[in-house]
Amino acid sequence: MKVTVDQDKCASSGNCVMQAPAIFDQRDEDGVVVLLNANPPSEQENNARRAAVSCPALAISIEE
């Protein structure tokens, strides 16, 4: 699995961090998503998928 984010699309909702804190964080100054792990381990893959689905701006992409 490969995770990518588009920071220009990010709405700073924080849903990704709530779903997958080991994969995503937010910048302190504006809350925009920060990708911590583009290739999460298998035990984190479902969390990454939930984060992508819960992103209101569709700023997270998953490649299998």
C-alpha atoms as a PDB file:
ATOM      1  CA  MET A   1       0.000   0.000   0.000  1.00  0.00           C
ATOM      2  CA  LYS A   2       1.152   3.512  -0.788  1.00  0.00           C
ATOM      3  CA  VAL A   3      -0.512   6.548   0.766  1.00  0.00           C
ATOM      4  CA  THR A   4      -0.281  10.027  -0.745  1.00  0.00           C
ATOM      5  CA  VAL A   5      -1.783  13.324   0.327  1.00  0.00           C
ATOM      6  CA  ASP A   6      -2.568  16.540  -1.504  1.00  0.00           C
ATOM      7  CA  GLN A   7      -1.911  19.298   0.990  1.00  0.00           C
ATOM      8  CA  ASP A   8      -3.487  21.856  -1.361  1.00  0.00           C
ATOM      9  CA  LYS A   9      -6.847  20.038  -1.109  1.00  0.00           C
ATOM     10  CA  CYS A  10      -6.706  19.492   2.666  1.00  0.00           C
ATOM     11  CA  ALA A  11      -9.588  21.036   4.613  1.00  0.00           C
ATOM     12  CA  SER A  12      -7.784  20.674   7.977  1.00  0.00           C
ATOM     13  CA  SER A  13     -10.631  18.645   9.471  1.00  0.00           C
ATOM     14  CA  GLY A  14      -8.361  16.268  11.379  1.00  0.00           C
ATOM     15  CA  ASN A  15     -10.389  13.179  10.470  1.00  0.00           C
ATOM     16  CA  CYS A  16      -7.267  11.470   9.139  1.00  0.00           C
ATOM     17  CA  VAL A  17      -5.398  11.951  12.409  1.00  0.00           C
ATOM     18  CA  MET A  18      -8.331  10.595  14.398  1.00  0.00           C
ATOM     19  CA  GLN A  19      -8.515   7.494  12.160  1.00  0.00           C
ATOM     20  CA  ALA A  20      -4.776   6.850  11.736  1.00  0.00           C
ATOM     21  CA  PRO A  21      -2.497   8.819  14.079  1.00  0.00           C
ATOM     22  CA  ALA A  22       0.484   6.607  13.191  1.00  0.00           C
ATOM     23  CA  ILE A  23       0.167   7.625   9.540  1.00  0.00           C
ATOM     24  CA  PHE A  24      -1.057  11.239   9.625  1.00  0.00           C
ATOM     25  CA  ASP A  25      -0.443  14.394  11.616  1.00  0.00           C
ATOM     26  CA  GLN A  26      -1.370  18.043  11.163  1.00  0.00           C
ATOM     27  CA  ARG A  27       0.778  21.156  10.884  1.00  0.00           C
ATOM     28  CA  ASP A  28       0.524  23.275  14.002  1.00  0.00           C
ATOM     29  CA  GLU A  29       0.144  26.559  12.154  1.00  0.00           C
ATOM     30  CA  ASP A  30      -2.814  25.689   9.927  1.00  0.00           C
ATOM     31  CA  GLY A  31      -3.907  22.083  10.561  1.00  0.00           C
ATOM     32  CA  VAL A  32      -2.991  20.854   7.081  1.00  0.00           C
ATOM     33  CA  VAL A  33      -2.293  17.131   6.856  1.00  0.00           C
ATOM     34  CA  VAL A  34       1.253  15.818   7.194  1.00  0.00           C
ATOM     35  CA  LEU A  35       1.997  12.305   5.975  1.00  0.00           C
ATOM     36  CA  LEU A  36       4.108  10.432   8.529  1.00  0.00           C
ATOM     37  CA  ASN A  37       4.286   7.075   6.763  1.00  0.00           C
ATOM     38  CA  ALA A  38       3.641   6.647   3.025  1.00  0.00           C
ATOM     39  CA  ASN A  39       3.997   2.867   3.286  1.00  0.00           C
ATOM     40  CA  PRO A  40       2.208   1.831   6.483  1.00  0.00           C
ATOM     41  CA  PRO A  41       2.618  -1.678   7.865  1.00  0.00           C
ATOM     42  CA  SER A  42      -0.164  -4.162   7.176  1.00  0.00           C
ATOM     43  CA  GLU A  43      -1.702  -3.686  10.623  1.00  0.00           C
ATOM     44  CA  GLN A  44      -2.262   0.020   9.811  1.00  0.00           C
ATOM     45  CA  GLU A  45      -3.727  -0.445   6.322  1.00  0.00           C
ATOM     46  CA  ASN A  46      -7.378  -0.463   7.439  1.00  0.00           C
ATOM     47  CA  ASN A  47      -6.788   2.731   9.428  1.00  0.00           C
ATOM     48  CA  ALA A  48      -5.321   4.379   6.315  1.00  0.00           C
ATOM     49  CA  ARG A  49      -8.358   3.329   4.275  1.00  0.00           C
ATOM     50  CA  ARG A  50     -10.744   4.702   6.920  1.00  0.00           C
ATOM     51  CA  ALA A  51      -8.816   7.972   6.939  1.00  0.00           C
ATOM     52  CA  ALA A  52      -9.069   8.284   3.154  1.00  0.00           C
ATOM     53  CA  VAL A  53     -12.811   7.598   3.188  1.00  0.00           C
ATOM     54  CA  SER A  54     -13.414  10.056   6.036  1.00  0.00           C
ATOM     55  CA  CYS A  55     -11.497  12.914   4.394  1.00  0.00           C
ATOM     56  CA  PRO A  56     -14.077  15.551   3.405  1.00  0.00           C
ATOM     57  CA  ALA A  57     -11.695  17.108   0.865  1.00  0.00           C
ATOM     58  CA  LEU A  58     -10.639  13.785  -0.714  1.00  0.00           C
ATOM     59  CA  ALA A  59      -7.018  14.799  -0.138  1.00  0.00           C
ATOM     60  CA  ILE A  60      -5.827  11.250   0.650  1.00  0.00           C
ATOM     61  CA  SER A  61      -5.118   8.660  -2.033  1.00  0.00           C
ATOM     62  CA  ILE A  62      -4.400   4.973  -1.536  1.00  0.00           C
ATOM     63  CA  GLU A  63      -2.610   2.792  -4.077  1.00  0.00           C
ATOM     64  CA  GLU A  64      -2.818  -0.936  -3.438  1.00  0.00           C
END
